[in-house]
Amino acid sequence: MQNTFDEEQIAANRKRAMTAGDDGAAFLLNLVAEELAERLTAIERKFPEAVELHGFTGITAEKLVQTGKVGTIKRVESPALGTAPDVTASLEHVPLEPQSVNLIVSPLAAHLTNDTPGLFIQALRALKPDGLFMAAIPATGTLAELREVLLAAEDELYGGASARVIPFADIRDFGGLLQRAGFALPVVDSETYTVRYDSLFPLMRDLRNMGMSNPLVSRSRKPVSKRFFMRAAEIYAERFSDPDGRIRATFSIVYISGWAPHESQQKPLRPGSANVSLEEAIKAVRKS
């Protein structure tokens, strides 16, 4: 099966972004780190051994520790970044011993894997019974405006179009992926963040400095002219600008969680074990 993403290009994109050190472009990862930490805070238990899986800047690990819910936390990161993580591995691998940790958190990285179901299975294998897996993953709707205007500009100028924004999975897919991997009690929901820019160009600069430049294996290698980006900026302003002239960019982030199975967890009722039929329950509600 042919890969969708070029792993070497992803590593190069992330290394370039890390070298750029643009704190402003880290806004999305910072938002996600805060959200994941808040969700962990709501869970009434502690996690002695945790792992941040490809968290890039380490802000998620920092926020998780601040919750007081985490004992020790290790960072798994790509060796290409030139940082000093506790463990190095590619995005496709979870280099942990079976049943060795209580919590694994993946912030904004799983969408770049060629085998996301395999990644989930590896995460489950590394969790101790009743351990928790959490992830924040960009999903359908993310950068929809940018995708549309780049396709429109390329078609208009060159009579054809190539993929310049990666495909994102639909929120409905993630629950099934968690269940197929073997997680118990899966939870999936999403948050949409709308970010405004003066034009297309600062948006593209932020994406580059996030490490989100196009890593598709099928990406076009043909150079495009300055005219292409100018026309794309014009179309963006025409279709997706507010009355003040600023443009909108959408980031739809899916938050997922699942538990390694354990006998103490709540189990679904056995089919046919209910004491009252659904029809009787509906009638009772209507009467009341």
C-alpha atoms as a PDB file:
ATOM      1  CA  MET A   1       0.000   0.000   0.000  1.00  0.00           C
ATOM      2  CA  GLN A   2       1.410   3.385  -1.001  1.00  0.00           C
ATOM      3  CA  ASN A   3       1.945   5.886   1.773  1.00  0.00           C
ATOM      4  CA  THR A   4      -0.016   9.131   1.828  1.00  0.00           C
ATOM      5  CA  PHE A   5       2.630  11.122   3.693  1.00  0.00           C
ATOM      6  CA  ASP A   6       6.322  11.569   3.006  1.00  0.00           C
ATOM      7  CA  GLU A   7       7.955  10.862   6.395  1.00  0.00           C
ATOM      8  CA  GLU A   8      11.223  12.544   5.434  1.00  0.00           C
ATOM      9  CA  GLN A   9       9.369  15.682   4.360  1.00  0.00           C
ATOM     10  CA  ILE A  10       7.394  15.746   7.606  1.00  0.00           C
ATOM     11  CA  ALA A  11      10.625  15.532   9.588  1.00  0.00           C
ATOM     12  CA  ALA A  12      12.138  18.327   7.492  1.00  0.00           C
ATOM     13  CA  ASN A  13       9.039  20.504   7.949  1.00  0.00           C
ATOM     14  CA  ARG A  14       9.049  20.044  11.710  1.00  0.00           C
ATOM     15  CA  LYS A  15      12.798  20.636  11.976  1.00  0.00           C
ATOM     16  CA  ARG A  16      12.515  23.864   9.964  1.00  0.00           C
ATOM     17  CA  ALA A  17       9.643  25.009  12.165  1.00  0.00           C
ATOM     18  CA  MET A  18      11.587  24.220  15.334  1.00  0.00           C
ATOM     19  CA  THR A  19      14.579  26.154  13.985  1.00  0.00           C
ATOM     20  CA  ALA A  20      12.366  29.137  13.150  1.00  0.00           C
ATOM     21  CA  GLY A  21      11.315  29.377  16.804  1.00  0.00           C
ATOM     22  CA  ASP A  22       8.203  31.407  15.984  1.00  0.00           C
ATOM     23  CA  ASP A  23       6.300  31.558  19.289  1.00  0.00           C
ATOM     24  CA  GLY A  24       3.322  33.227  17.609  1.00  0.00           C
ATOM     25  CA  ALA A  25       2.830  30.266  15.272  1.00  0.00           C
ATOM     26  CA  ALA A  26       2.566  27.933  18.275  1.00  0.00           C
ATOM     27  CA  PHE A  27      -0.879  29.277  19.183  1.00  0.00           C
ATOM     28  CA  LEU A  28      -2.754  26.156  18.030  1.00  0.00           C
ATOM     29  CA  LEU A  29      -0.529  23.754  19.932  1.00  0.00           C
ATOM     30  CA  ASN A  30      -0.821  25.976  23.010  1.00  0.00           C
ATOM     31  CA  LEU A  31      -4.630  25.921  22.753  1.00  0.00           C
ATOM     32  CA  VAL A  32      -4.635  22.142  22.415  1.00  0.00           C
ATOM     33  CA  ALA A  33      -2.260  21.731  25.373  1.00  0.00           C
ATOM     34  CA  GLU A  34      -4.579  23.804  27.576  1.00  0.00           C
ATOM     35  CA  GLU A  35      -7.615  21.824  26.438  1.00  0.00           C
ATOM     36  CA  LEU A  36      -5.992  18.428  27.025  1.00  0.00           C
ATOM     37  CA  ALA A  37      -4.820  19.509  30.475  1.00  0.00           C
ATOM     38  CA  GLU A  38      -8.316  20.726  31.344  1.00  0.00           C
ATOM     39  CA  ARG A  39      -9.825  17.405  30.266  1.00  0.00           C
ATOM     40  CA  LEU A  40      -7.291  15.508  32.344  1.00  0.00           C
ATOM     41  CA  THR A  41      -8.092  17.654  35.355  1.00  0.00           C
ATOM     42  CA  ALA A  42     -11.717  16.493  35.185  1.00  0.00           C
ATOM     43  CA  ILE A  43     -10.690  12.838  35.642  1.00  0.00           C
ATOM     44  CA  GLU A  44     -10.721  11.819  39.297  1.00  0.00           C
ATOM     45  CA  ARG A  45      -7.530   9.808  39.388  1.00  0.00           C
ATOM     46  CA  LYS A  46      -3.777  10.212  38.955  1.00  0.00           C
ATOM     47  CA  PHE A  47      -1.382   8.814  36.378  1.00  0.00           C
ATOM     48  CA  PRO A  48       2.033   7.946  37.832  1.00  0.00           C
ATOM     49  CA  GLU A  49       3.754   7.329  34.479  1.00  0.00           C
ATOM     50  CA  ALA A  50       2.792   9.405  31.453  1.00  0.00           C
ATOM     51  CA  VAL A  51       4.087   9.974  27.927  1.00  0.00           C
ATOM     52  CA  GLU A  52       3.758  12.931  25.578  1.00  0.00           C
ATOM     53  CA  LEU A  53       3.827  11.506  22.064  1.00  0.00           C
ATOM     54  CA  HIS A  54       5.376  13.897  19.515  1.00  0.00           C
ATOM     55  CA  GLY A  55       4.312  17.062  21.284  1.00  0.00           C
ATOM     56  CA  PHE A  56       6.841  19.134  19.315  1.00  0.00           C
ATOM     57  CA  THR A  57       7.550  21.982  21.760  1.00  0.00           C
ATOM     58  CA  GLY A  58       6.820  20.064  24.965  1.00  0.00           C
ATOM     59  CA  ILE A  59       4.114  22.518  26.034  1.00  0.00           C
ATOM     60  CA  THR A  60       1.557  19.701  26.409  1.00  0.00           C
ATOM     61  CA  ALA A  61       3.825  17.771  28.777  1.00  0.00           C
ATOM     62  CA  GLU A  62       4.333  20.953  30.783  1.00  0.00           C
ATOM     63  CA  LYS A  63       0.603  21.640  31.052  1.00  0.00           C
ATOM     64  CA  LEU A  64      -0.157  18.041  32.042  1.00  0.00           C
ATOM     65  CA  VAL A  65       2.352  18.174  34.890  1.00  0.00           C
ATOM     66  CA  GLN A  66       0.797  21.419  36.104  1.00  0.00           C
ATOM     67  CA  THR A  67      -2.545  19.646  36.618  1.00  0.00           C
ATOM     68  CA  GLY A  68      -1.074  17.608  39.481  1.00  0.00           C
ATOM     69  CA  LYS A  69      -2.573  14.496  37.880  1.00  0.00           C
ATOM     70  CA  VAL A  70       0.719  13.250  36.444  1.00  0.00           C
ATOM     71  CA  GLY A  71       3.690  11.802  38.292  1.00  0.00           C
ATOM     72  CA  THR A  72       6.559  11.550  35.826  1.00  0.00           C
ATOM     73  CA  ILE A  73       6.223  12.273  32.099  1.00  0.00           C
ATOM     74  CA  LYS A  74       8.476  11.215  29.242  1.00  0.00           C
ATOM     75  CA  ARG A  75       8.627  12.930  25.878  1.00  0.00           C
ATOM     76  CA  VAL A  76       8.811  10.901  22.661  1.00  0.00           C
ATOM     77  CA  GLU A  77      10.005  12.958  19.713  1.00  0.00           C
ATOM     78  CA  SER A  78      11.557  12.652  16.293  1.00  0.00           C
ATOM     79  CA  PRO A  79      15.375  12.596  16.281  1.00  0.00           C
ATOM     80  CA  ALA A  80      15.311  15.052  13.379  1.00  0.00           C
ATOM     81  CA  LEU A  81      14.163  17.916  15.587  1.00  0.00           C
ATOM     82  CA  GLY A  82      17.489  18.241  17.327  1.00  0.00           C
ATOM     83  CA  THR A  83      15.827  18.590  20.745  1.00  0.00           C
ATOM     84  CA  ALA A  84      16.573  16.400  23.760  1.00  0.00           C
ATOM     85  CA  PRO A  85      13.532  14.142  24.259  1.00  0.00           C
ATOM     86  CA  ASP A  86      13.559  11.153  26.577  1.00  0.00           C
ATOM     87  CA  VAL A  87      12.898   8.748  23.693  1.00  0.00           C
ATOM     88  CA  THR A  88      13.293   9.191  19.921  1.00  0.00           C
ATOM     89  CA  ALA A  89      11.054   7.591  17.304  1.00  0.00           C
ATOM     90  CA  SER A  90       9.281   8.345  14.055  1.00  0.00           C
ATOM     91  CA  LEU A  91       5.677   9.500  14.073  1.00  0.00           C
ATOM     92  CA  GLU A  92       4.604   5.996  13.052  1.00  0.00           C
ATOM     93  CA  HIS A  93       5.930   4.260  16.162  1.00  0.00           C
ATOM     94  CA  VAL A  94       5.208   4.150  19.894  1.00  0.00           C
ATOM     95  CA  PRO A  95       8.565   2.948  21.283  1.00  0.00           C
ATOM     96  CA  LEU A  96       7.317   1.841  24.694  1.00  0.00           C
ATOM     97  CA  GLU A  97       7.359  -1.504  26.471  1.00  0.00           C
ATOM     98  CA  PRO A  98       4.019  -3.354  26.695  1.00  0.00           C
ATOM     99  CA  GLN A  99       1.859  -2.263  29.633  1.00  0.00           C
ATOM    100  CA  SER A 100       4.508   0.183  30.834  1.00  0.00           C
ATOM    101  CA  VAL A 101       2.676   3.520  31.261  1.00  0.00           C
ATOM    102  CA  ASN A 102      -0.631   4.862  32.609  1.00  0.00           C
ATOM    103  CA  LEU A 103      -1.213   7.753  30.213  1.00  0.00           C
ATOM    104  CA  ILE A 104      -0.283   8.544  26.602  1.00  0.00           C
ATOM    105  CA  VAL A 105      -1.155  11.931  25.087  1.00  0.00           C
ATOM    106  CA  SER A 106      -0.718  12.788  21.397  1.00  0.00           C
ATOM    107  CA  PRO A 107      -1.142  16.496  20.523  1.00  0.00           C
ATOM    108  CA  LEU A 108      -1.466  17.408  16.828  1.00  0.00           C
ATOM    109  CA  ALA A 109       0.641  14.595  15.383  1.00  0.00           C
ATOM    110  CA  ALA A 110      -1.544  11.551  14.633  1.00  0.00           C
ATOM    111  CA  HIS A 111      -3.018  13.156  11.487  1.00  0.00           C
ATOM    112  CA  LEU A 112       0.407  12.855   9.829  1.00  0.00           C
ATOM    113  CA  THR A 113       0.702   9.086  10.223  1.00  0.00           C
ATOM    114  CA  ASN A 114       0.294   6.677   7.334  1.00  0.00           C
ATOM    115  CA  ASP A 115      -1.092   3.992   9.659  1.00  0.00           C
ATOM    116  CA  THR A 116      -3.243   5.723  12.256  1.00  0.00           C
ATOM    117  CA  PRO A 117      -5.057   2.498  13.292  1.00  0.00           C
ATOM    118  CA  GLY A 118      -1.640   0.903  13.828  1.00  0.00           C
ATOM    119  CA  LEU A 119      -0.570   3.859  15.963  1.00  0.00           C
ATOM    120  CA  PHE A 120      -3.669   3.440  18.159  1.00  0.00           C
ATOM    121  CA  ILE A 121      -2.969  -0.284  18.553  1.00  0.00           C
ATOM    122  CA  GLN A 122       0.624   0.445  19.581  1.00  0.00           C
ATOM    123  CA  ALA A 123      -0.598   2.999  22.132  1.00  0.00           C
ATOM    124  CA  LEU A 124      -3.032   0.494  23.619  1.00  0.00           C
ATOM    125  CA  ARG A 125      -0.307  -2.135  23.847  1.00  0.00           C
ATOM    126  CA  ALA A 126       1.918   0.284  25.799  1.00  0.00           C
ATOM    127  CA  LEU A 127      -0.773   1.160  28.348  1.00  0.00           C
ATOM    128  CA  LYS A 128      -1.223  -0.630  31.634  1.00  0.00           C
ATOM    129  CA  PRO A 129      -4.750  -1.966  32.249  1.00  0.00           C
ATOM    130  CA  ASP A 130      -7.073   0.980  32.896  1.00  0.00           C
ATOM    131  CA  GLY A 131      -4.521   3.329  31.324  1.00  0.00           C
ATOM    132  CA  LEU A 132      -5.711   6.305  29.269  1.00  0.00           C
ATOM    133  CA  PHE A 133      -4.959   7.406  25.708  1.00  0.00           C
ATOM    134  CA  MET A 134      -5.785  10.987  24.717  1.00  0.00           C
ATOM    135  CA  ALA A 135      -5.178  12.750  21.399  1.00  0.00           C
ATOM    136  CA  ALA A 136      -5.955  16.001  19.646  1.00  0.00           C
ATOM    137  CA  ILE A 137      -6.205  15.543  15.883  1.00  0.00           C
ATOM    138  CA  PRO A 138      -7.067  18.056  13.122  1.00  0.00           C
ATOM    139  CA  ALA A 139     -10.114  16.797  11.242  1.00  0.00           C
ATOM    140  CA  THR A 140     -12.404  17.586   8.319  1.00  0.00           C
ATOM    141  CA  GLY A 141     -13.006  21.319   8.027  1.00  0.00           C
ATOM    142  CA  THR A 142      -9.462  22.255   8.971  1.00  0.00           C
ATOM    143  CA  LEU A 143      -8.046  24.740   6.444  1.00  0.00           C
ATOM    144  CA  ALA A 144     -11.085  24.211   4.212  1.00  0.00           C
ATOM    145  CA  GLU A 145     -10.863  27.811   3.019  1.00  0.00           C
ATOM    146  CA  LEU A 146      -7.200  27.492   2.064  1.00  0.00           C
ATOM    147  CA  ARG A 147      -7.839  24.215   0.241  1.00  0.00           C
ATOM    148  CA  GLU A 148     -10.619  25.819  -1.812  1.00  0.00           C
ATOM    149  CA  VAL A 149      -8.726  28.945  -2.853  1.00  0.00           C
ATOM    150  CA  LEU A 150      -5.506  27.105  -3.785  1.00  0.00           C
ATOM    151  CA  LEU A 151      -7.476  24.688  -5.954  1.00  0.00           C
ATOM    152  CA  ALA A 152      -9.372  27.570  -7.564  1.00  0.00           C
ATOM    153  CA  ALA A 153      -6.261  29.626  -8.269  1.00  0.00           C
ATOM    154  CA  GLU A 154      -4.318  26.692  -9.727  1.00  0.00           C
ATOM    155  CA  ASP A 155      -7.202  25.600 -11.919  1.00  0.00           C
ATOM    156  CA  GLU A 156      -7.710  29.132 -13.166  1.00  0.00           C
ATOM    157  CA  LEU A 157      -4.052  29.790 -13.994  1.00  0.00           C
ATOM    158  CA  TYR A 158      -2.815  26.351 -15.040  1.00  0.00           C
ATOM    159  CA  GLY A 159      -5.946  24.484 -16.128  1.00  0.00           C
ATOM    160  CA  GLY A 160      -5.618  21.822 -13.445  1.00  0.00           C
ATOM    161  CA  ALA A 161      -5.032  21.406  -9.748  1.00  0.00           C
ATOM    162  CA  SER A 162      -2.941  19.309  -7.365  1.00  0.00           C
ATOM    163  CA  ALA A 163      -3.398  18.554  -3.672  1.00  0.00           C
ATOM    164  CA  ARG A 164      -1.786  21.343  -1.632  1.00  0.00           C
ATOM    165  CA  VAL A 165      -3.609  20.776   1.679  1.00  0.00           C
ATOM    166  CA  ILE A 166      -3.522  17.344   3.286  1.00  0.00           C
ATOM    167  CA  PRO A 167      -6.725  15.289   3.689  1.00  0.00           C
ATOM    168  CA  PHE A 168      -8.206  15.239   7.182  1.00  0.00           C
ATOM    169  CA  ALA A 169     -10.299  12.413   8.632  1.00  0.00           C
ATOM    170  CA  ASP A 170     -13.947  12.897   9.560  1.00  0.00           C
ATOM    171  CA  ILE A 171     -14.887  13.030  13.258  1.00  0.00           C
ATOM    172  CA  ARG A 172     -17.176  10.025  12.727  1.00  0.00           C
ATOM    173  CA  ASP A 173     -14.171   7.843  11.867  1.00  0.00           C
ATOM    174  CA  PHE A 174     -12.339   8.222  15.157  1.00  0.00           C
ATOM    175  CA  GLY A 175     -14.748   6.356  17.438  1.00  0.00           C
ATOM    176  CA  GLY A 176     -14.585   3.351  15.130  1.00  0.00           C
ATOM    177  CA  LEU A 177     -10.787   3.500  15.039  1.00  0.00           C
ATOM    178  CA  LEU A 178     -10.601   3.497  18.838  1.00  0.00           C
ATOM    179  CA  GLN A 179     -12.960   0.530  19.080  1.00  0.00           C
ATOM    180  CA  ARG A 180     -11.119  -1.416  16.378  1.00  0.00           C
ATOM    181  CA  ALA A 181      -7.854  -0.861  18.233  1.00  0.00           C
ATOM    182  CA  GLY A 182      -9.452  -2.367  21.354  1.00  0.00           C
ATOM    183  CA  PHE A 183      -9.971   0.700  23.543  1.00  0.00           C
ATOM    184  CA  ALA A 184     -12.783   0.698  26.078  1.00  0.00           C
ATOM    185  CA  LEU A 185     -15.129   3.619  26.800  1.00  0.00           C
ATOM    186  CA  PRO A 186     -14.138   5.699  23.731  1.00  0.00           C
ATOM    187  CA  VAL A 187     -15.077   9.381  23.743  1.00  0.00           C
ATOM    188  CA  VAL A 188     -14.874  11.666  20.704  1.00  0.00           C
ATOM    189  CA  ASP A 189     -15.812  15.331  20.395  1.00  0.00           C
ATOM    190  CA  SER A 190     -14.518  18.401  18.603  1.00  0.00           C
ATOM    191  CA  GLU A 191     -13.754  22.082  18.955  1.00  0.00           C
ATOM    192  CA  THR A 192     -13.573  24.541  16.071  1.00  0.00           C
ATOM    193  CA  TYR A 193     -11.162  27.454  16.233  1.00  0.00           C
ATOM    194  CA  THR A 194     -11.472  30.327  13.763  1.00  0.00           C
ATOM    195  CA  VAL A 195      -8.335  32.408  13.348  1.00  0.00           C
ATOM    196  CA  ARG A 196      -8.254  35.699  11.453  1.00  0.00           C
ATOM    197  CA  TYR A 197      -5.400  37.050   9.355  1.00  0.00           C
ATOM    198  CA  ASP A 198      -4.677  40.187   7.379  1.00  0.00           C
ATOM    199  CA  SER A 199      -4.180  38.071   4.247  1.00  0.00           C
ATOM    200  CA  LEU A 200      -3.204  34.658   2.924  1.00  0.00           C
ATOM    201  CA  PHE A 201       0.511  35.304   3.425  1.00  0.00           C
ATOM    202  CA  PRO A 202       0.706  35.470   7.244  1.00  0.00           C
ATOM    203  CA  LEU A 203      -1.515  32.361   7.370  1.00  0.00           C
ATOM    204  CA  MET A 204       0.923  30.459   5.175  1.00  0.00           C
ATOM    205  CA  ARG A 205       3.838  31.714   7.255  1.00  0.00           C
ATOM    206  CA  ASP A 206       2.168  30.393  10.410  1.00  0.00           C
ATOM    207  CA  LEU A 207       1.521  27.021   8.784  1.00  0.00           C
ATOM    208  CA  ARG A 208       5.155  26.779   7.704  1.00  0.00           C
ATOM    209  CA  ASN A 209       6.332  27.695  11.209  1.00  0.00           C
ATOM    210  CA  MET A 210       3.970  25.091  12.699  1.00  0.00           C
ATOM    211  CA  GLY A 211       5.623  22.420  10.551  1.00  0.00           C
ATOM    212  CA  MET A 212       2.408  22.058   8.532  1.00  0.00           C
ATOM    213  CA  SER A 213       3.781  22.584   5.031  1.00  0.00           C
ATOM    214  CA  ASN A 214       2.539  20.080   2.451  1.00  0.00           C
ATOM    215  CA  PRO A 215       4.087  16.611   3.128  1.00  0.00           C
ATOM    216  CA  LEU A 216       1.982  14.572   0.684  1.00  0.00           C
ATOM    217  CA  VAL A 217       3.814  11.948  -1.327  1.00  0.00           C
ATOM    218  CA  SER A 218       1.680  13.009  -4.317  1.00  0.00           C
ATOM    219  CA  ARG A 219       2.401  16.735  -3.913  1.00  0.00           C
ATOM    220  CA  SER A 220       3.373  18.611  -7.042  1.00  0.00           C
ATOM    221  CA  ARG A 221       7.089  19.305  -7.371  1.00  0.00           C
ATOM    222  CA  LYS A 222       6.549  21.917 -10.082  1.00  0.00           C
ATOM    223  CA  PRO A 223       7.381  25.455  -8.943  1.00  0.00           C
ATOM    224  CA  VAL A 224       4.565  27.983  -9.100  1.00  0.00           C
ATOM    225  CA  SER A 225       4.872  31.669  -9.824  1.00  0.00           C
ATOM    226  CA  LYS A 226       4.332  34.618  -7.532  1.00  0.00           C
ATOM    227  CA  ARG A 227       1.232  35.277  -9.607  1.00  0.00           C
ATOM    228  CA  PHE A 228      -0.295  32.029  -8.316  1.00  0.00           C
ATOM    229  CA  PHE A 229      -0.061  33.097  -4.674  1.00  0.00           C
ATOM    230  CA  MET A 230      -1.239  36.623  -5.455  1.00  0.00           C
ATOM    231  CA  ARG A 231      -4.303  35.243  -7.225  1.00  0.00           C
ATOM    232  CA  ALA A 232      -4.952  32.797  -4.357  1.00  0.00           C
ATOM    233  CA  ALA A 233      -4.794  35.714  -1.918  1.00  0.00           C
ATOM    234  CA  GLU A 234      -7.320  37.633  -4.028  1.00  0.00           C
ATOM    235  CA  ILE A 235      -9.724  34.682  -4.134  1.00  0.00           C
ATOM    236  CA  TYR A 236      -9.336  34.164  -0.379  1.00  0.00           C
ATOM    237  CA  ALA A 237     -10.234  37.795   0.262  1.00  0.00           C
ATOM    238  CA  GLU A 238     -13.219  37.564  -2.087  1.00  0.00           C
ATOM    239  CA  ARG A 239     -14.688  34.421  -0.529  1.00  0.00           C
ATOM    240  CA  PHE A 240     -13.638  34.329   3.116  1.00  0.00           C
ATOM    241  CA  SER A 241     -13.114  37.851   4.417  1.00  0.00           C
ATOM    242  CA  ASP A 242     -15.004  39.709   7.146  1.00  0.00           C
ATOM    243  CA  PRO A 243     -16.333  43.276   6.752  1.00  0.00           C
ATOM    244  CA  ASP A 244     -13.037  44.621   8.115  1.00  0.00           C
ATOM    245  CA  GLY A 245     -11.142  42.893   5.298  1.00  0.00           C
ATOM    246  CA  ARG A 246      -9.454  40.219   7.406  1.00  0.00           C
ATOM    247  CA  ILE A 247      -9.703  36.597   6.265  1.00  0.00           C
ATOM    248  CA  ARG A 248     -10.802  33.546   8.275  1.00  0.00           C
ATOM    249  CA  ALA A 249      -8.995  30.229   8.686  1.00  0.00           C
ATOM    250  CA  THR A 250     -10.697  27.246  10.340  1.00  0.00           C
ATOM    251  CA  PHE A 251      -9.030  24.616  12.499  1.00  0.00           C
ATOM    252  CA  SER A 252     -11.368  21.770  13.516  1.00  0.00           C
ATOM    253  CA  ILE A 253      -9.727  19.720  16.265  1.00  0.00           C
ATOM    254  CA  VAL A 254     -11.100  16.352  17.340  1.00  0.00           C
ATOM    255  CA  TYR A 255     -10.363  15.305  20.939  1.00  0.00           C
ATOM    256  CA  ILE A 256     -10.415  11.574  21.521  1.00  0.00           C
ATOM    257  CA  SER A 257      -9.880   9.364  24.537  1.00  0.00           C
ATOM    258  CA  GLY A 258     -10.002   5.662  25.229  1.00  0.00           C
ATOM    259  CA  TRP A 259      -9.051   3.354  28.090  1.00  0.00           C
ATOM    260  CA  ALA A 260      -7.063   0.148  28.134  1.00  0.00           C
ATOM    261  CA  PRO A 261      -9.611  -2.506  29.174  1.00  0.00           C
ATOM    262  CA  HIS A 262      -9.811  -3.433  32.845  1.00  0.00           C
ATOM    263  CA  GLU A 263     -12.295  -5.524  34.828  1.00  0.00           C
ATOM    264  CA  SER A 264     -13.227  -2.541  37.035  1.00  0.00           C
ATOM    265  CA  GLN A 265     -14.610  -0.547  34.102  1.00  0.00           C
ATOM    266  CA  GLN A 266     -18.307  -0.123  33.501  1.00  0.00           C
ATOM    267  CA  LYS A 267     -19.627  -2.704  31.039  1.00  0.00           C
ATOM    268  CA  PRO A 268     -22.563  -2.288  28.654  1.00  0.00           C
ATOM    269  CA  LEU A 269     -25.667  -4.235  29.630  1.00  0.00           C
ATOM    270  CA  ARG A 270     -26.175  -7.613  28.019  1.00  0.00           C
ATOM    271  CA  PRO A 271     -28.790  -7.389  25.218  1.00  0.00           C
ATOM    272  CA  GLY A 272     -32.219  -8.377  26.564  1.00  0.00           C
ATOM    273  CA  SER A 273     -31.266  -7.840  30.206  1.00  0.00           C
ATOM    274  CA  ALA A 274     -33.363  -4.685  30.725  1.00  0.00           C
ATOM    275  CA  ASN A 275     -36.179  -4.955  33.298  1.00  0.00           C
ATOM    276  CA  VAL A 276     -38.401  -2.479  31.453  1.00  0.00           C
ATOM    277  CA  SER A 277     -39.027  -2.379  27.691  1.00  0.00           C
ATOM    278  CA  LEU A 278     -38.271   0.770  25.717  1.00  0.00           C
ATOM    279  CA  GLU A 279     -41.956   1.115  24.849  1.00  0.00           C
ATOM    280  CA  GLU A 280     -42.962   1.061  28.528  1.00  0.00           C
ATOM    281  CA  ALA A 281     -40.266   3.593  29.402  1.00  0.00           C
ATOM    282  CA  ILE A 282     -41.497   5.991  26.687  1.00  0.00           C
ATOM    283  CA  LYS A 283     -45.097   5.637  27.884  1.00  0.00           C
ATOM    284  CA  ALA A 284     -43.997   6.418  31.463  1.00  0.00           C
ATOM    285  CA  VAL A 285     -42.171   9.555  30.345  1.00  0.00           C
ATOM    286  CA  ARG A 286     -45.200  10.770  28.355  1.00  0.00           C
ATOM    287  CA  LYS A 287     -47.529  10.228  31.311  1.00  0.00           C
ATOM    288  CA  SER A 288     -45.246  12.200  33.616  1.00  0.00           C
END
